[in-house]
Amino acid sequence: MARRDNPRAVRIAEQIQRELPGLIRLELDDPDVGMVTLTGVEVAADLAHAKVFFTVLEAPDARVDAVASRRRQSTQALARAAGYLRSELGSRLRLRSVPQLHFFYDESIERGAHLSRLIDRAVSDDEGRG
């Protein structure tokens, strides 16, 4: 999210996060994008750049190398579409200047799931001993 001391950046970040998923889902025709979910948007204080964080929906039993490949493909596809998405956001948000979009894979959900699995395993090990 944008810094709280810049309410305009916060508002623009919220608008981007609200509009961008629909644009990606309905307007992009690139199969490399995949099933992405936006997890956050941070707009710079000067309103010139926006970091867009996303995750990719993967099967739980997917191979690690396949997952890494899918992430790379999605990141590259979103980067290719950034100009188009920016222009579409401009018409929807009615901003004089729309921030340049930069896409980053968000690993926080994946790390959280991994930690949860470790905790579950530790609890089950303790119950097995006790």
Protein backbone atom coordinates (compact mmCIF):
# COMPACT_ATOMS: atom_id res chain seq x y z
CA MET A 1 0.00 0.00 0.00
CA ALA A 2 1.08 3.56 -0.47
CA ARG A 3 2.43 5.57 2.42
CA ARG A 4 -0.29 6.76 4.76
CA ASP A 5 1.08 10.32 4.79
CA ASN A 6 0.10 10.69 1.12
CA PRO A 7 -3.68 10.21 0.92
CA ARG A 8 -3.76 10.72 -2.85
CA ALA A 9 -1.25 7.89 -3.40
CA VAL A 10 -3.32 5.67 -1.09
CA ARG A 11 -6.50 6.47 -3.00
CA ILE A 12 -4.88 5.81 -6.38
CA ALA A 13 -3.43 2.51 -5.13
CA GLU A 14 -6.88 1.44 -3.94
CA GLN A 15 -8.44 2.40 -7.28
CA ILE A 16 -5.79 0.46 -9.20
CA GLN A 17 -6.26 -2.59 -6.99
CA ARG A 18 -10.02 -2.42 -7.57
CA GLU A 19 -9.89 -1.99 -11.38
CA LEU A 20 -6.84 -3.98 -12.46
CA PRO A 21 -8.06 -7.54 -11.71
CA GLY A 22 -11.03 -7.12 -14.03
CA LEU A 23 -8.82 -5.74 -16.77
CA ILE A 24 -6.40 -8.63 -16.46
CA ARG A 25 -9.16 -11.23 -16.42
CA LEU A 26 -11.39 -9.78 -19.14
CA GLU A 27 -9.13 -7.76 -21.43
CA LEU A 28 -5.85 -9.67 -21.61
CA ASP A 29 -5.77 -12.48 -24.13
CA ASP A 30 -2.36 -13.86 -23.11
CA PRO A 31 -2.41 -17.45 -21.79
CA ASP A 32 0.99 -16.82 -20.16
CA VAL A 33 -0.64 -14.53 -17.61
CA GLY A 34 -2.37 -17.48 -15.95
CA MET A 35 -4.67 -17.31 -12.95
CA VAL A 36 -3.24 -14.30 -11.12
CA THR A 37 -4.54 -12.70 -7.95
CA LEU A 38 -3.47 -9.21 -6.98
CA THR A 39 -2.32 -9.01 -3.38
CA GLY A 40 -1.39 -5.34 -3.15
CA VAL A 41 -0.53 -2.11 -4.90
CA GLU A 42 1.98 0.48 -3.73
CA VAL A 43 2.03 3.87 -5.41
CA ALA A 44 5.14 6.04 -5.09
CA ALA A 45 4.83 9.38 -3.35
CA ASP A 46 5.37 11.20 -6.65
CA LEU A 47 2.54 9.12 -8.20
CA ALA A 48 4.76 8.15 -11.15
CA HIS A 49 5.18 4.44 -10.40
CA ALA A 50 3.06 1.66 -8.94
CA LYS A 51 4.29 -1.69 -7.69
CA VAL A 52 1.64 -4.34 -8.29
CA PHE A 53 2.05 -7.52 -6.26
CA PHE A 54 0.44 -10.76 -7.42
CA THR A 55 0.31 -14.49 -6.83
CA VAL A 56 -0.43 -17.30 -9.26
CA LEU A 57 -2.96 -20.01 -8.53
CA GLU A 58 -1.19 -23.37 -8.71
CA ALA A 59 -2.20 -26.94 -7.99
CA PRO A 60 -0.95 -28.02 -4.54
CA ASP A 61 0.85 -30.99 -6.05
CA ALA A 62 2.56 -29.02 -8.84
CA ARG A 63 6.29 -29.60 -9.30
CA VAL A 64 8.57 -26.88 -7.98
CA ASP A 65 10.21 -26.26 -11.36
CA ALA A 66 6.80 -26.00 -13.06
CA VAL A 67 5.63 -23.49 -10.45
CA ALA A 68 8.79 -21.39 -10.89
CA SER A 69 8.34 -21.46 -14.66
CA ARG A 70 4.69 -20.36 -14.34
CA ARG A 71 5.72 -17.45 -12.09
CA ARG A 72 8.31 -16.28 -14.61
CA GLN A 73 5.81 -16.56 -17.48
CA SER A 74 3.17 -14.61 -15.57
CA THR A 75 5.63 -11.89 -14.56
CA GLN A 76 6.89 -11.50 -18.12
CA ALA A 77 3.36 -11.51 -19.60
CA LEU A 78 2.17 -8.85 -17.14
CA ALA A 79 5.27 -6.75 -17.88
CA ARG A 80 4.50 -6.98 -21.61
CA ALA A 81 0.91 -5.89 -20.98
CA ALA A 82 1.80 -3.07 -18.54
CA GLY A 83 1.46 -0.29 -21.14
CA TYR A 84 -1.93 -1.53 -22.33
CA LEU A 85 -3.18 -1.98 -18.76
CA ARG A 86 -1.95 1.49 -17.87
CA SER A 87 -3.82 3.08 -20.78
CA GLU A 88 -7.01 1.17 -19.90
CA LEU A 89 -6.68 2.28 -16.27
CA GLY A 90 -6.31 5.86 -17.49
CA SER A 91 -9.68 5.78 -19.18
CA ARG A 92 -11.38 4.10 -16.24
CA LEU A 93 -9.83 6.10 -13.40
CA ARG A 94 -9.96 9.49 -15.13
CA LEU A 95 -6.48 10.45 -13.97
CA ARG A 96 -4.37 12.92 -15.86
CA SER A 97 -1.31 10.75 -15.30
CA VAL A 98 -1.53 7.04 -14.48
CA PRO A 99 1.48 5.55 -12.69
CA GLN A 100 3.74 3.19 -14.63
CA LEU A 101 2.93 -0.37 -13.58
CA HIS A 102 5.66 -2.70 -12.32
CA PHE A 103 4.65 -6.29 -11.47
CA PHE A 104 6.23 -8.35 -8.69
CA TYR A 105 5.47 -11.89 -7.59
CA ASP A 106 4.33 -11.90 -3.95
CA GLU A 107 5.86 -14.81 -2.04
CA SER A 108 4.28 -13.93 1.31
CA ILE A 109 1.25 -16.22 0.87
CA GLU A 110 3.47 -19.10 -0.18
CA ARG A 111 5.78 -18.52 2.81
CA GLY A 112 2.77 -18.40 5.13
CA ALA A 113 1.44 -21.70 3.78
CA HIS A 114 4.88 -23.28 4.19
CA LEU A 115 5.13 -22.08 7.79
CA SER A 116 1.64 -23.38 8.47
CA ARG A 117 2.61 -26.83 7.14
CA LEU A 118 5.74 -26.82 9.33
CA ILE A 119 3.69 -25.92 12.40
CA ASP A 120 1.11 -28.62 11.60
CA ARG A 121 3.88 -31.18 11.20
CA ALA A 122 5.51 -30.14 14.50
CA VAL A 123 2.17 -30.37 16.33
CA SER A 124 1.43 -33.81 14.89
CA ASP A 125 4.94 -34.99 15.85
CA ASP A 126 4.39 -33.76 19.41
CA GLU A 127 1.01 -35.48 19.62
CA GLY A 128 2.57 -38.71 18.36
CA ARG A 129 5.15 -38.63 21.16
CA GLY A 130 2.81 -37.53 23.90
